[in-house]
Amino acid sequence: MRHRKRSKRQRKIDRGMSDHHILPVSRGGTKTVRIHIKIHQKYHALFSNLTPDEIAEYLVFTFWDGYVPQIWRIEQ
């Protein structure tokens, strides 16, 4: 299968962007989102390879002393 050459505009958009795995590849993640490379670097500097759920848990117990905001609570 032949790949189409990307347009000049598309190359400019891609420059400075990076693929970020929502679930790390080391844990079987395959889904990616495109984010700016500087944001990607800062994300990993702050949170290493934590998942979004692990980040929320880390914030709750490290900074908010176990307080869970109402918006995060699961109604039963």
C-alpha atoms as a PDB file:
ATOM      1  CA  MET A   1       0.000   0.000   0.000  1.00  0.00           C
ATOM      2  CA  ARG A   2       1.377   3.382  -0.976  1.00  0.00           C
ATOM      3  CA  HIS A   3       1.338   6.226   1.550  1.00  0.00           C
ATOM      4  CA  ARG A   4       0.215   9.664   0.436  1.00  0.00           C
ATOM      5  CA  LYS A   5       2.694  12.458   0.893  1.00  0.00           C
ATOM      6  CA  ARG A   6       1.544  14.792   3.653  1.00  0.00           C
ATOM      7  CA  SER A   7       0.814  18.365   2.699  1.00  0.00           C
ATOM      8  CA  LYS A   8       3.048  21.233   3.801  1.00  0.00           C
ATOM      9  CA  ARG A   9       0.246  22.372   6.122  1.00  0.00           C
ATOM     10  CA  GLN A  10      -0.042  18.913   7.714  1.00  0.00           C
ATOM     11  CA  ARG A  11       3.720  18.697   8.263  1.00  0.00           C
ATOM     12  CA  LYS A  12       3.623  22.099   9.978  1.00  0.00           C
ATOM     13  CA  ILE A  13       0.779  20.934  12.237  1.00  0.00           C
ATOM     14  CA  ASP A  14       2.657  17.718  13.091  1.00  0.00           C
ATOM     15  CA  ARG A  15       5.859  19.547  13.969  1.00  0.00           C
ATOM     16  CA  GLY A  16       6.125  19.853  17.712  1.00  0.00           C
ATOM     17  CA  MET A  17       3.422  17.257  18.367  1.00  0.00           C
ATOM     18  CA  SER A  18       3.805  13.927  20.095  1.00  0.00           C
ATOM     19  CA  ASP A  19       1.713  10.779  20.561  1.00  0.00           C
ATOM     20  CA  HIS A  20       0.719  10.255  24.191  1.00  0.00           C
ATOM     21  CA  HIS A  21      -0.634   6.887  25.330  1.00  0.00           C
ATOM     22  CA  ILE A  22      -3.521   7.214  27.794  1.00  0.00           C
ATOM     23  CA  LEU A  23      -2.577   3.822  29.230  1.00  0.00           C
ATOM     24  CA  PRO A  24       1.197   3.256  29.043  1.00  0.00           C
ATOM     25  CA  VAL A  25       2.360   0.789  26.387  1.00  0.00           C
ATOM     26  CA  SER A  26       4.158  -1.126  29.142  1.00  0.00           C
ATOM     27  CA  ARG A  27       0.695  -1.886  30.570  1.00  0.00           C
ATOM     28  CA  GLY A  28      -0.884  -2.839  27.259  1.00  0.00           C
ATOM     29  CA  GLY A  29      -2.085   0.606  26.146  1.00  0.00           C
ATOM     30  CA  THR A  30      -2.706   1.244  22.462  1.00  0.00           C
ATOM     31  CA  LYS A  31      -4.905   4.379  22.335  1.00  0.00           C
ATOM     32  CA  THR A  32      -3.021   7.614  21.716  1.00  0.00           C
ATOM     33  CA  VAL A  33      -3.791  11.314  21.614  1.00  0.00           C
ATOM     34  CA  ARG A  34      -1.692  13.984  19.888  1.00  0.00           C
ATOM     35  CA  ILE A  35      -0.397  16.654  22.269  1.00  0.00           C
ATOM     36  CA  HIS A  36       2.283  19.316  22.061  1.00  0.00           C
ATOM     37  CA  ILE A  37       5.694  17.878  22.881  1.00  0.00           C
ATOM     38  CA  LYS A  38       6.395  20.371  25.687  1.00  0.00           C
ATOM     39  CA  ILE A  39       3.113  19.507  27.400  1.00  0.00           C
ATOM     40  CA  HIS A  40       3.912  15.814  26.930  1.00  0.00           C
ATOM     41  CA  GLN A  41       7.317  16.237  28.593  1.00  0.00           C
ATOM     42  CA  LYS A  42       5.852  18.189  31.513  1.00  0.00           C
ATOM     43  CA  TYR A  43       3.079  15.607  31.973  1.00  0.00           C
ATOM     44  CA  HIS A  44       5.637  12.811  32.381  1.00  0.00           C
ATOM     45  CA  ALA A  45       7.884  14.959  34.582  1.00  0.00           C
ATOM     46  CA  LEU A  46       4.937  15.426  36.960  1.00  0.00           C
ATOM     47  CA  PHE A  47       3.194  12.073  36.742  1.00  0.00           C
ATOM     48  CA  SER A  48       5.696   9.599  35.257  1.00  0.00           C
ATOM     49  CA  ASN A  49       3.635   6.771  33.710  1.00  0.00           C
ATOM     50  CA  LEU A  50       0.546   7.050  35.904  1.00  0.00           C
ATOM     51  CA  THR A  51      -2.885   6.538  34.369  1.00  0.00           C
ATOM     52  CA  PRO A  52      -5.532   9.279  34.747  1.00  0.00           C
ATOM     53  CA  ASP A  53      -7.194   7.282  37.580  1.00  0.00           C
ATOM     54  CA  GLU A  54      -3.867   6.887  39.380  1.00  0.00           C
ATOM     55  CA  ILE A  55      -3.193  10.619  39.017  1.00  0.00           C
ATOM     56  CA  ALA A  56      -6.577  11.441  40.564  1.00  0.00           C
ATOM     57  CA  GLU A  57      -5.880   9.073  43.466  1.00  0.00           C
ATOM     58  CA  TYR A  58      -2.399  10.541  43.939  1.00  0.00           C
ATOM     59  CA  LEU A  59      -3.816  14.092  44.070  1.00  0.00           C
ATOM     60  CA  VAL A  60      -6.579  13.115  46.512  1.00  0.00           C
ATOM     61  CA  PHE A  61      -4.285  11.484  49.042  1.00  0.00           C
ATOM     62  CA  THR A  62      -1.183  13.648  48.583  1.00  0.00           C
ATOM     63  CA  PHE A  63      -2.656  17.129  48.350  1.00  0.00           C
ATOM     64  CA  TRP A  64      -6.263  16.927  49.529  1.00  0.00           C
ATOM     65  CA  ASP A  65      -5.809  14.647  52.563  1.00  0.00           C
ATOM     66  CA  GLY A  66      -8.310  12.092  51.295  1.00  0.00           C
ATOM     67  CA  TYR A  67     -11.034  14.608  50.355  1.00  0.00           C
ATOM     68  CA  VAL A  68     -12.792  13.475  47.178  1.00  0.00           C
ATOM     69  CA  PRO A  69     -14.552  16.294  45.279  1.00  0.00           C
ATOM     70  CA  GLN A  70     -18.283  15.670  44.789  1.00  0.00           C
ATOM     71  CA  ILE A  71     -17.885  15.599  41.014  1.00  0.00           C
ATOM     72  CA  TRP A  72     -15.627  12.507  41.302  1.00  0.00           C
ATOM     73  CA  ARG A  73     -17.927  10.570  43.619  1.00  0.00           C
ATOM     74  CA  ILE A  74     -19.834   7.689  42.118  1.00  0.00           C
ATOM     75  CA  GLU A  75     -23.506   7.709  43.011  1.00  0.00           C
ATOM     76  CA  GLN A  76     -24.736   4.423  44.388  1.00  0.00           C
END
